[in-house]
Amino acid sequence: MTEPQELEPFIVFHAGVDTAEVALWKLADGRQAIALFLDRESAEGYRAAAGHSDAWQVFQPDRAALVALMREALDGGVELVVLQPTADSAQRMWSISEVLANTDG
């Protein structure tokens, strides 16, 4: 895994009444990763390919919100983030723990 650069990624998420979900990508070994995208079009394409309804939105969180999302995901057992995932591959992968260790906040 390489060191993450400063990104302003897009995510795909669904906000329910009591919960919010973020789109995850499943690795071959069964682990899941938060799916991050470089642009809105890629995120929308992933949403469509995954069969998510229009209730799933594409959003570009600010840095603080992204860090909070990663902390919550890590607490929930999701240990990785991936960039630009497709059905069978992703451009890059990082450990959430390593990303959080390299953040200021």
PDB file of N, CA and C in Angstrom:
ATOM      1  N   MET A   1       0.832  -1.169   0.000  1.00  0.00           N
ATOM      2  CA  MET A   1       0.000   0.000   0.000  1.00  0.00           C
ATOM      3  C   MET A   1       0.886   1.244   0.000  1.00  0.00           C
ATOM      4  N   THR A   2       0.462   2.244  -0.727  1.00  0.00           N
ATOM      5  CA  THR A   2       1.222   3.484  -0.794  1.00  0.00           C
ATOM      6  C   THR A   2       0.608   4.522   0.132  1.00  0.00           C
ATOM      7  N   GLU A   3       1.374   5.553   0.416  1.00  0.00           N
ATOM      8  CA  GLU A   3       0.877   6.628   1.269  1.00  0.00           C
ATOM      9  C   GLU A   3      -0.226   7.395   0.544  1.00  0.00           C
ATOM     10  N   PRO A   4      -1.315   7.680   1.231  1.00  0.00           N
ATOM     11  CA  PRO A   4      -2.382   8.446   0.586  1.00  0.00           C
ATOM     12  C   PRO A   4      -1.978   9.895   0.376  1.00  0.00           C
ATOM     13  N   GLN A   5      -2.434  10.451  -0.715  1.00  0.00           N
ATOM     14  CA  GLN A   5      -2.229  11.862  -0.981  1.00  0.00           C
ATOM     15  C   GLN A   5      -3.452  12.607  -0.467  1.00  0.00           C
ATOM     16  N   GLU A   6      -3.352  13.920  -0.392  1.00  0.00           N
ATOM     17  CA  GLU A   6      -4.513  14.707  -0.012  1.00  0.00           C
ATOM     18  C   GLU A   6      -5.535  14.591  -1.133  1.00  0.00           C
ATOM     19  N   LEU A   7      -6.668  14.013  -0.830  1.00  0.00           N
ATOM     20  CA  LEU A   7      -7.734  13.839  -1.801  1.00  0.00           C
ATOM     21  C   LEU A   7      -8.976  14.553  -1.297  1.00  0.00           C
ATOM     22  N   GLU A   8      -9.814  14.928  -2.206  1.00  0.00           N
ATOM     23  CA  GLU A   8     -11.132  15.443  -1.881  1.00  0.00           C
ATOM     24  C   GLU A   8     -12.130  14.530  -2.588  1.00  0.00           C
ATOM     25  N   PRO A   9     -12.258  13.289  -2.089  1.00  0.00           N
ATOM     26  CA  PRO A   9     -13.025  12.281  -2.805  1.00  0.00           C
ATOM     27  C   PRO A   9     -14.536  12.438  -2.645  1.00  0.00           C
ATOM     28  N   PHE A  10     -15.219  11.764  -3.527  1.00  0.00           N
ATOM     29  CA  PHE A  10     -16.669  11.634  -3.464  1.00  0.00           C
ATOM     30  C   PHE A  10     -16.973  10.270  -2.856  1.00  0.00           C
ATOM     31  N   ILE A  11     -18.109  10.172  -2.178  1.00  0.00           N
ATOM     32  CA  ILE A  11     -18.590   8.901  -1.647  1.00  0.00           C
ATOM     33  C   ILE A  11     -20.024   8.698  -2.121  1.00  0.00           C
ATOM     34  N   VAL A  12     -20.491   7.467  -2.008  1.00  0.00           N
ATOM     35  CA  VAL A  12     -21.883   7.138  -2.278  1.00  0.00           C
ATOM     36  C   VAL A  12     -22.476   6.726  -0.942  1.00  0.00           C
ATOM     37  N   PHE A  13     -23.588   7.367  -0.552  1.00  0.00           N
ATOM     38  CA  PHE A  13     -24.150   7.054   0.756  1.00  0.00           C
ATOM     39  C   PHE A  13     -25.670   7.069   0.720  1.00  0.00           C
ATOM     40  N   HIS A  14     -26.234   6.465   1.745  1.00  0.00           N
ATOM     41  CA  HIS A  14     -27.685   6.426   1.927  1.00  0.00           C
ATOM     42  C   HIS A  14     -27.975   6.845   3.359  1.00  0.00           C
ATOM     43  N   ALA A  15     -28.759   7.876   3.521  1.00  0.00           N
ATOM     44  CA  ALA A  15     -29.139   8.340   4.858  1.00  0.00           C
ATOM     45  C   ALA A  15     -30.533   7.830   5.164  1.00  0.00           C
ATOM     46  N   GLY A  16     -30.616   6.991   6.189  1.00  0.00           N
ATOM     47  CA  GLY A  16     -31.907   6.500   6.642  1.00  0.00           C
ATOM     48  C   GLY A  16     -32.406   7.344   7.798  1.00  0.00           C
ATOM     49  N   VAL A  17     -33.510   6.935   8.394  1.00  0.00           N
ATOM     50  CA  VAL A  17     -34.088   7.662   9.516  1.00  0.00           C
ATOM     51  C   VAL A  17     -33.135   7.660  10.706  1.00  0.00           C
ATOM     52  N   ASP A  18     -32.604   6.497  11.047  1.00  0.00           N
ATOM     53  CA  ASP A  18     -31.737   6.379  12.218  1.00  0.00           C
ATOM     54  C   ASP A  18     -30.283   6.087  11.892  1.00  0.00           C
ATOM     55  N   THR A  19     -29.996   5.763  10.650  1.00  0.00           N
ATOM     56  CA  THR A  19     -28.636   5.374  10.291  1.00  0.00           C
ATOM     57  C   THR A  19     -28.240   5.949   8.933  1.00  0.00           C
ATOM     58  N   ALA A  20     -26.967   5.912   8.685  1.00  0.00           N
ATOM     59  CA  ALA A  20     -26.441   6.284   7.369  1.00  0.00           C
ATOM     60  C   ALA A  20     -25.481   5.180   6.949  1.00  0.00           C
ATOM     61  N   GLU A  21     -25.494   4.876   5.672  1.00  0.00           N
ATOM     62  CA  GLU A  21     -24.603   3.850   5.127  1.00  0.00           C
ATOM     63  C   GLU A  21     -23.766   4.466   4.024  1.00  0.00           C
ATOM     64  N   VAL A  22     -22.549   3.971   3.907  1.00  0.00           N
ATOM     65  CA  VAL A  22     -21.678   4.386   2.824  1.00  0.00           C
ATOM     66  C   VAL A  22     -21.443   3.165   1.938  1.00  0.00           C
ATOM     67  N   ALA A  23     -21.283   3.401   0.640  1.00  0.00           N
ATOM     68  CA  ALA A  23     -21.035   2.292  -0.272  1.00  0.00           C
ATOM     69  C   ALA A  23     -19.694   1.643   0.056  1.00  0.00           C
ATOM     70  N   LEU A  24     -19.710   0.331   0.115  1.00  0.00           N
ATOM     71  CA  LEU A  24     -18.515  -0.455   0.403  1.00  0.00           C
ATOM     72  C   LEU A  24     -18.153  -1.293  -0.805  1.00  0.00           C
ATOM     73  N   TRP A  25     -16.898  -1.636  -0.906  1.00  0.00           N
ATOM     74  CA  TRP A  25     -16.382  -2.494  -1.965  1.00  0.00           C
ATOM     75  C   TRP A  25     -15.867  -3.755  -1.296  1.00  0.00           C
ATOM     76  N   LYS A  26     -16.211  -4.906  -1.844  1.00  0.00           N
ATOM     77  CA  LYS A  26     -15.820  -6.178  -1.244  1.00  0.00           C
ATOM     78  C   LYS A  26     -14.587  -6.745  -1.925  1.00  0.00           C
ATOM     79  N   LEU A  27     -13.565  -7.038  -1.108  1.00  0.00           N
ATOM     80  CA  LEU A  27     -12.342  -7.649  -1.613  1.00  0.00           C
ATOM     81  C   LEU A  27     -12.556  -9.144  -1.794  1.00  0.00           C
ATOM     82  N   ALA A  28     -11.703  -9.775  -2.556  1.00  0.00           N
ATOM     83  CA  ALA A  28     -11.805 -11.211  -2.829  1.00  0.00           C
ATOM     84  C   ALA A  28     -11.762 -12.035  -1.545  1.00  0.00           C
ATOM     85  N   ASP A  29     -11.048 -11.550  -0.522  1.00  0.00           N
ATOM     86  CA  ASP A  29     -10.936 -12.305   0.730  1.00  0.00           C
ATOM     87  C   ASP A  29     -12.107 -12.057   1.682  1.00  0.00           C
ATOM     88  N   GLY A  30     -13.105 -11.277   1.228  1.00  0.00           N
ATOM     89  CA  GLY A  30     -14.297 -11.040   2.030  1.00  0.00           C
ATOM     90  C   GLY A  30     -14.283  -9.739   2.830  1.00  0.00           C
ATOM     91  N   ARG A  31     -13.110  -9.126   2.984  1.00  0.00           N
ATOM     92  CA  ARG A  31     -13.070  -7.848   3.700  1.00  0.00           C
ATOM     93  C   ARG A  31     -13.772  -6.772   2.877  1.00  0.00           C
ATOM     94  N   GLN A  32     -14.222  -5.743   3.573  1.00  0.00           N
ATOM     95  CA  GLN A  32     -14.887  -4.640   2.901  1.00  0.00           C
ATOM     96  C   GLN A  32     -14.081  -3.361   3.078  1.00  0.00           C
ATOM     97  N   ALA A  33     -14.249  -2.449   2.125  1.00  0.00           N
ATOM     98  CA  ALA A  33     -13.529  -1.182   2.139  1.00  0.00           C
ATOM     99  C   ALA A  33     -14.485  -0.063   1.753  1.00  0.00           C
ATOM    100  N   ILE A  34     -14.255   1.111   2.314  1.00  0.00           N
ATOM    101  CA  ILE A  34     -15.018   2.289   1.900  1.00  0.00           C
ATOM    102  C   ILE A  34     -14.619   2.615   0.465  1.00  0.00           C
ATOM    103  N   ALA A  35     -15.597   2.847  -0.378  1.00  0.00           N
ATOM    104  CA  ALA A  35     -15.357   3.192  -1.776  1.00  0.00           C
ATOM    105  C   ALA A  35     -15.250   4.708  -1.920  1.00  0.00           C
ATOM    106  N   LEU A  36     -14.102   5.191  -2.409  1.00  0.00           N
ATOM    107  CA  LEU A  36     -13.860   6.608  -2.648  1.00  0.00           C
ATOM    108  C   LEU A  36     -13.652   6.844  -4.145  1.00  0.00           C
ATOM    109  N   PHE A  37     -14.085   8.005  -4.621  1.00  0.00           N
ATOM    110  CA  PHE A  37     -14.020   8.301  -6.049  1.00  0.00           C
ATOM    111  C   PHE A  37     -13.423   9.676  -6.298  1.00  0.00           C
ATOM    112  N   LEU A  38     -12.689   9.802  -7.392  1.00  0.00           N
ATOM    113  CA  LEU A  38     -12.038  11.061  -7.742  1.00  0.00           C
ATOM    114  C   LEU A  38     -13.005  12.099  -8.291  1.00  0.00           C
ATOM    115  N   ASP A  39     -14.126  11.646  -8.863  1.00  0.00           N
ATOM    116  CA  ASP A  39     -15.081  12.581  -9.444  1.00  0.00           C
ATOM    117  C   ASP A  39     -16.503  12.055  -9.281  1.00  0.00           C
ATOM    118  N   ARG A  40     -17.451  12.959  -9.433  1.00  0.00           N
ATOM    119  CA  ARG A  40     -18.867  12.635  -9.267  1.00  0.00           C
ATOM    120  C   ARG A  40     -19.317  11.570 -10.272  1.00  0.00           C
ATOM    121  N   GLU A  41     -18.839  11.659 -11.500  1.00  0.00           N
ATOM    122  CA  GLU A  41     -19.259  10.723 -12.540  1.00  0.00           C
ATOM    123  C   GLU A  41     -18.876   9.285 -12.189  1.00  0.00           C
ATOM    124  N   SER A  42     -17.671   9.098 -11.669  1.00  0.00           N
ATOM    125  CA  SER A  42     -17.234   7.757 -11.271  1.00  0.00           C
ATOM    126  C   SER A  42     -18.101   7.219 -10.140  1.00  0.00           C
ATOM    127  N   ALA A  43     -18.413   8.075  -9.187  1.00  0.00           N
ATOM    128  CA  ALA A  43     -19.253   7.661  -8.057  1.00  0.00           C
ATOM    129  C   ALA A  43     -20.655   7.302  -8.533  1.00  0.00           C
ATOM    130  N   GLU A  44     -21.200   8.094  -9.433  1.00  0.00           N
ATOM    131  CA  GLU A  44     -22.534   7.800  -9.961  1.00  0.00           C
ATOM    132  C   GLU A  44     -22.533   6.503 -10.763  1.00  0.00           C
ATOM    133  N   GLY A  45     -21.463   6.250 -11.521  1.00  0.00           N
ATOM    134  CA  GLY A  45     -21.349   4.998 -12.260  1.00  0.00           C
ATOM    135  C   GLY A  45     -21.276   3.805 -11.338  1.00  0.00           C
ATOM    136  N   TYR A  46     -20.551   3.935 -10.231  1.00  0.00           N
ATOM    137  CA  TYR A  46     -20.449   2.856  -9.248  1.00  0.00           C
ATOM    138  C   TYR A  46     -21.813   2.605  -8.608  1.00  0.00           C
ATOM    139  N   ARG A  47     -22.509   3.677  -8.269  1.00  0.00           N
ATOM    140  CA  ARG A  47     -23.843   3.542  -7.669  1.00  0.00           C
ATOM    141  C   ARG A  47     -24.763   2.771  -8.603  1.00  0.00           C
ATOM    142  N   ALA A  48     -24.768   3.118  -9.868  1.00  0.00           N
ATOM    143  CA  ALA A  48     -25.621   2.446 -10.846  1.00  0.00           C
ATOM    144  C   ALA A  48     -25.212   0.988 -11.022  1.00  0.00           C
ATOM    145  N   ALA A  49     -23.903   0.729 -11.144  1.00  0.00           N
ATOM    146  CA  ALA A  49     -23.421  -0.641 -11.346  1.00  0.00           C
ATOM    147  C   ALA A  49     -23.720  -1.531 -10.146  1.00  0.00           C
ATOM    148  N   ALA A  50     -23.714  -0.935  -8.952  1.00  0.00           N
ATOM    149  CA  ALA A  50     -24.003  -1.702  -7.735  1.00  0.00           C
ATOM    150  C   ALA A  50     -25.493  -1.931  -7.543  1.00  0.00           C
ATOM    151  N   GLY A  51     -26.310  -1.291  -8.367  1.00  0.00           N
ATOM    152  CA  GLY A  51     -27.751  -1.462  -8.266  1.00  0.00           C
ATOM    153  C   GLY A  51     -28.387  -0.674  -7.128  1.00  0.00           C
ATOM    154  N   HIS A  52     -27.682   0.337  -6.623  1.00  0.00           N
ATOM    155  CA  HIS A  52     -28.249   1.167  -5.560  1.00  0.00           C
ATOM    156  C   HIS A  52     -29.333   2.069  -6.150  1.00  0.00           C
ATOM    157  N   SER A  53     -30.383   2.277  -5.389  1.00  0.00           N
ATOM    158  CA  SER A  53     -31.487   3.128  -5.828  1.00  0.00           C
ATOM    159  C   SER A  53     -31.083   4.596  -5.818  1.00  0.00           C
ATOM    160  N   ASP A  54     -31.979   5.438  -6.298  1.00  0.00           N
ATOM    161  CA  ASP A  54     -31.735   6.873  -6.287  1.00  0.00           C
ATOM    162  C   ASP A  54     -31.688   7.440  -4.874  1.00  0.00           C
ATOM    163  N   ALA A  55     -32.113   6.656  -3.888  1.00  0.00           N
ATOM    164  CA  ALA A  55     -32.016   7.094  -2.494  1.00  0.00           C
ATOM    165  C   ALA A  55     -30.550   7.173  -2.062  1.00  0.00           C
ATOM    166  N   TRP A  56     -29.670   6.479  -2.769  1.00  0.00           N
ATOM    167  CA  TRP A  56     -28.229   6.572  -2.516  1.00  0.00           C
ATOM    168  C   TRP A  56     -27.716   7.802  -3.243  1.00  0.00           C
ATOM    169  N   GLN A  57     -27.053   8.675  -2.510  1.00  0.00           N
ATOM    170  CA  GLN A  57     -26.599   9.954  -3.045  1.00  0.00           C
ATOM    171  C   GLN A  57     -25.080   9.983  -3.205  1.00  0.00           C
ATOM    172  N   VAL A  58     -24.619  10.808  -4.117  1.00  0.00           N
ATOM    173  CA  VAL A  58     -23.191  11.065  -4.278  1.00  0.00           C
ATOM    174  C   VAL A  58     -22.893  12.368  -3.551  1.00  0.00           C
ATOM    175  N   PHE A  59     -21.857  12.344  -2.743  1.00  0.00           N
ATOM    176  CA  PHE A  59     -21.548  13.485  -1.882  1.00  0.00           C
ATOM    177  C   PHE A  59     -20.042  13.635  -1.770  1.00  0.00           C
ATOM    178  N   GLN A  60     -19.578  14.872  -1.677  1.00  0.00           N
ATOM    179  CA  GLN A  60     -18.158  15.146  -1.471  1.00  0.00           C
ATOM    180  C   GLN A  60     -17.999  15.736  -0.064  1.00  0.00           C
ATOM    181  N   PRO A  61     -17.666  14.887   0.913  1.00  0.00           N
ATOM    182  CA  PRO A  61     -17.557  15.385   2.281  1.00  0.00           C
ATOM    183  C   PRO A  61     -16.316  16.247   2.463  1.00  0.00           C
ATOM    184  N   ASP A  62     -16.386  17.176   3.423  1.00  0.00           N
ATOM    185  CA  ASP A  62     -15.181  17.929   3.739  1.00  0.00           C
ATOM    186  C   ASP A  62     -14.236  17.019   4.524  1.00  0.00           C
ATOM    187  N   ARG A  63     -13.035  17.495   4.753  1.00  0.00           N
ATOM    188  CA  ARG A  63     -11.996  16.659   5.380  1.00  0.00           C
ATOM    189  C   ARG A  63     -12.431  16.139   6.749  1.00  0.00           C
ATOM    190  N   ALA A  64     -13.015  17.000   7.575  1.00  0.00           N
ATOM    191  CA  ALA A  64     -13.433  16.597   8.919  1.00  0.00           C
ATOM    192  C   ALA A  64     -14.491  15.504   8.857  1.00  0.00           C
ATOM    193  N   ALA A  65     -15.442  15.634   7.949  1.00  0.00           N
ATOM    194  CA  ALA A  65     -16.492  14.627   7.812  1.00  0.00           C
ATOM    195  C   ALA A  65     -15.921  13.307   7.304  1.00  0.00           C
ATOM    196  N   LEU A  66     -14.966  13.374   6.386  1.00  0.00           N
ATOM    197  CA  LEU A  66     -14.340  12.164   5.866  1.00  0.00           C
ATOM    198  C   LEU A  66     -13.557  11.436   6.960  1.00  0.00           C
ATOM    199  N   VAL A  67     -12.831  12.196   7.773  1.00  0.00           N
ATOM    200  CA  VAL A  67     -12.084  11.596   8.887  1.00  0.00           C
ATOM    201  C   VAL A  67     -13.058  10.941   9.872  1.00  0.00           C
ATOM    202  N   ALA A  68     -14.152  11.624  10.187  1.00  0.00           N
ATOM    203  CA  ALA A  68     -15.159  11.063  11.099  1.00  0.00           C
ATOM    204  C   ALA A  68     -15.763   9.789  10.515  1.00  0.00           C
ATOM    205  N   LEU A  69     -16.039   9.794   9.216  1.00  0.00           N
ATOM    206  CA  LEU A  69     -16.576   8.608   8.548  1.00  0.00           C
ATOM    207  C   LEU A  69     -15.603   7.439   8.655  1.00  0.00           C
ATOM    208  N   MET A  70     -14.324   7.701   8.438  1.00  0.00           N
ATOM    209  CA  MET A  70     -13.324   6.629   8.527  1.00  0.00           C
ATOM    210  C   MET A  70     -13.212   6.097   9.950  1.00  0.00           C
ATOM    211  N   ARG A  71     -13.282   6.983  10.934  1.00  0.00           N
ATOM    212  CA  ARG A  71     -13.231   6.532  12.334  1.00  0.00           C
ATOM    213  C   ARG A  71     -14.420   5.627  12.660  1.00  0.00           C
ATOM    214  N   GLU A  72     -15.605   6.034  12.233  1.00  0.00           N
ATOM    215  CA  GLU A  72     -16.806   5.225  12.473  1.00  0.00           C
ATOM    216  C   GLU A  72     -16.713   3.885  11.757  1.00  0.00           C
ATOM    217  N   ALA A  73     -16.230   3.899  10.532  1.00  0.00           N
ATOM    218  CA  ALA A  73     -16.096   2.651   9.777  1.00  0.00           C
ATOM    219  C   ALA A  73     -15.105   1.718  10.462  1.00  0.00           C
ATOM    220  N   LEU A  74     -13.985   2.259  10.906  1.00  0.00           N
ATOM    221  CA  LEU A  74     -12.984   1.447  11.598  1.00  0.00           C
ATOM    222  C   LEU A  74     -13.573   0.850  12.867  1.00  0.00           C
ATOM    223  N   ASP A  75     -14.324   1.645  13.624  1.00  0.00           N
ATOM    224  CA  ASP A  75     -14.999   1.136  14.826  1.00  0.00           C
ATOM    225  C   ASP A  75     -15.991   0.027  14.486  1.00  0.00           C
ATOM    226  N   GLY A  76     -16.559   0.086  13.274  1.00  0.00           N
ATOM    227  CA  GLY A  76     -17.509  -0.924  12.821  1.00  0.00           C
ATOM    228  C   GLY A  76     -16.867  -2.121  12.141  1.00  0.00           C
ATOM    229  N   GLY A  77     -15.538  -2.161  12.093  1.00  0.00           N
ATOM    230  CA  GLY A  77     -14.853  -3.314  11.532  1.00  0.00           C
ATOM    231  C   GLY A  77     -14.374  -3.178  10.098  1.00  0.00           C
ATOM    232  N   VAL A  78     -14.612  -2.039   9.472  1.00  0.00           N
ATOM    233  CA  VAL A  78     -14.111  -1.804   8.110  1.00  0.00           C
ATOM    234  C   VAL A  78     -12.715  -1.214   8.259  1.00  0.00           C
ATOM    235  N   GLU A  79     -11.719  -1.881   7.710  1.00  0.00           N
ATOM    236  CA  GLU A  79     -10.326  -1.506   7.931  1.00  0.00           C
ATOM    237  C   GLU A  79      -9.645  -0.823   6.754  1.00  0.00           C
ATOM    238  N   LEU A  80     -10.321  -0.746   5.604  1.00  0.00           N
ATOM    239  CA  LEU A  80      -9.668  -0.254   4.388  1.00  0.00           C
ATOM    240  C   LEU A  80     -10.510   0.786   3.667  1.00  0.00           C
ATOM    241  N   VAL A  81      -9.833   1.605   2.860  1.00  0.00           N
ATOM    242  CA  VAL A  81     -10.487   2.464   1.880  1.00  0.00           C
ATOM    243  C   VAL A  81      -9.866   2.142   0.528  1.00  0.00           C
ATOM    244  N   VAL A  82     -10.684   2.237  -0.520  1.00  0.00           N
ATOM    245  CA  VAL A  82     -10.182   2.011  -1.878  1.00  0.00           C
ATOM    246  C   VAL A  82     -10.567   3.200  -2.744  1.00  0.00           C
ATOM    247  N   LEU A  83      -9.737   3.455  -3.730  1.00  0.00           N
ATOM    248  CA  LEU A  83      -9.957   4.563  -4.648  1.00  0.00           C
ATOM    249  C   LEU A  83     -10.349   4.031  -6.012  1.00  0.00           C
ATOM    250  N   GLN A  84     -11.412   4.603  -6.564  1.00  0.00           N
ATOM    251  CA  GLN A  84     -11.890   4.281  -7.904  1.00  0.00           C
ATOM    252  C   GLN A  84     -12.176   2.787  -8.101  1.00  0.00           C
ATOM    253  N   PRO A  85     -12.966   2.172  -7.217  1.00  0.00           N
ATOM    254  CA  PRO A  85     -13.253   0.752  -7.410  1.00  0.00           C
ATOM    255  C   PRO A  85     -14.202   0.513  -8.579  1.00  0.00           C
ATOM    256  N   THR A  86     -14.028  -0.655  -9.179  1.00  0.00           N
ATOM    257  CA  THR A  86     -14.956  -1.158 -10.197  1.00  0.00           C
ATOM    258  C   THR A  86     -15.431  -2.509  -9.680  1.00  0.00           C
ATOM    259  N   ALA A  87     -16.113  -3.260 -10.494  1.00  0.00           N
ATOM    260  CA  ALA A  87     -16.610  -4.564 -10.057  1.00  0.00           C
ATOM    261  C   ALA A  87     -15.483  -5.497  -9.623  1.00  0.00           C
ATOM    262  N   ASP A  88     -14.310  -5.389 -10.255  1.00  0.00           N
ATOM    263  CA  ASP A  88     -13.257  -6.364  -9.965  1.00  0.00           C
ATOM    264  C   ASP A  88     -11.895  -5.791  -9.577  1.00  0.00           C
ATOM    265  N   SER A  89     -11.771  -4.472  -9.513  1.00  0.00           N
ATOM    266  CA  SER A  89     -10.471  -3.908  -9.131  1.00  0.00           C
ATOM    267  C   SER A  89     -10.647  -2.500  -8.567  1.00  0.00           C
ATOM    268  N   ALA A  90      -9.564  -2.011  -7.972  1.00  0.00           N
ATOM    269  CA  ALA A  90      -9.534  -0.634  -7.471  1.00  0.00           C
ATOM    270  C   ALA A  90      -8.170  -0.050  -7.786  1.00  0.00           C
ATOM    271  N   GLN A  91      -8.121   1.259  -7.969  1.00  0.00           N
ATOM    272  CA  GLN A  91      -6.870   1.924  -8.314  1.00  0.00           C
ATOM    273  C   GLN A  91      -5.848   1.839  -7.187  1.00  0.00           C
ATOM    274  N   ARG A  92      -6.292   2.120  -5.957  1.00  0.00           N
ATOM    275  CA  ARG A  92      -5.412   2.085  -4.790  1.00  0.00           C
ATOM    276  C   ARG A  92      -6.191   1.640  -3.570  1.00  0.00           C
ATOM    277  N   MET A  93      -5.438   1.198  -2.571  1.00  0.00           N
ATOM    278  CA  MET A  93      -6.041   0.759  -1.316  1.00  0.00           C
ATOM    279  C   MET A  93      -5.164   1.251  -0.174  1.00  0.00           C
ATOM    280  N   TRP A  94      -5.818   1.713   0.905  1.00  0.00           N
ATOM    281  CA  TRP A  94      -5.100   2.146   2.095  1.00  0.00           C
ATOM    282  C   TRP A  94      -5.753   1.576   3.343  1.00  0.00           C
ATOM    283  N   SER A  95      -4.964   1.402   4.362  1.00  0.00           N
ATOM    284  CA  SER A  95      -5.459   1.039   5.682  1.00  0.00           C
ATOM    285  C   SER A  95      -6.041   2.292   6.327  1.00  0.00           C
ATOM    286  N   ILE A  96      -7.255   2.194   6.843  1.00  0.00           N
ATOM    287  CA  ILE A  96      -7.858   3.340   7.517  1.00  0.00           C
ATOM    288  C   ILE A  96      -7.012   3.748   8.717  1.00  0.00           C
ATOM    289  N   SER A  97      -6.481   2.787   9.447  1.00  0.00           N
ATOM    290  CA  SER A  97      -5.643   3.102  10.612  1.00  0.00           C
ATOM    291  C   SER A  97      -4.448   3.956  10.211  1.00  0.00           C
ATOM    292  N   GLU A  98      -3.810   3.622   9.100  1.00  0.00           N
ATOM    293  CA  GLU A  98      -2.644   4.386   8.627  1.00  0.00           C
ATOM    294  C   GLU A  98      -3.061   5.780   8.161  1.00  0.00           C
ATOM    295  N   VAL A  99      -4.186   5.864   7.471  1.00  0.00           N
ATOM    296  CA  VAL A  99      -4.674   7.168   7.014  1.00  0.00           C
ATOM    297  C   VAL A  99      -4.953   8.054   8.226  1.00  0.00           C
ATOM    298  N   LEU A 100      -5.642   7.502   9.220  1.00  0.00           N
ATOM    299  CA  LEU A 100      -5.972   8.291  10.407  1.00  0.00           C
ATOM    300  C   LEU A 100      -4.733   8.696  11.183  1.00  0.00           C
ATOM    301  N   ALA A 101      -3.724   7.834  11.210  1.00  0.00           N
ATOM    302  CA  ALA A 101      -2.484   8.153  11.922  1.00  0.00           C
ATOM    303  C   ALA A 101      -1.756   9.317  11.243  1.00  0.00           C
ATOM    304  N   ASN A 102      -2.002   9.518   9.959  1.00  0.00           N
ATOM    305  CA  ASN A 102      -1.341  10.580   9.199  1.00  0.00           C
ATOM    306  C   ASN A 102      -2.166  11.857   9.092  1.00  0.00           C
ATOM    307  N   THR A 103      -3.300  11.909   9.778  1.00  0.00           N
ATOM    308  CA  THR A 103      -4.138  13.120   9.723  1.00  0.00           C
ATOM    309  C   THR A 103      -3.860  13.989  10.939  1.00  0.00           C
ATOM    310  N   ASP A 104      -4.180  15.236  10.807  1.00  0.00           N
ATOM    311  CA  ASP A 104      -3.992  16.172  11.906  1.00  0.00           C
ATOM    312  C   ASP A 104      -5.170  16.169  12.867  1.00  0.00           C
ATOM    313  N   GLY A 105      -6.354  15.732  12.380  1.00  0.00           N
ATOM    314  CA  GLY A 105      -7.540  15.899  13.202  1.00  0.00           C
ATOM    315  C   GLY A 105      -8.357  14.728  13.347  1.00  0.00           C
TER     316      GLY A 105
END
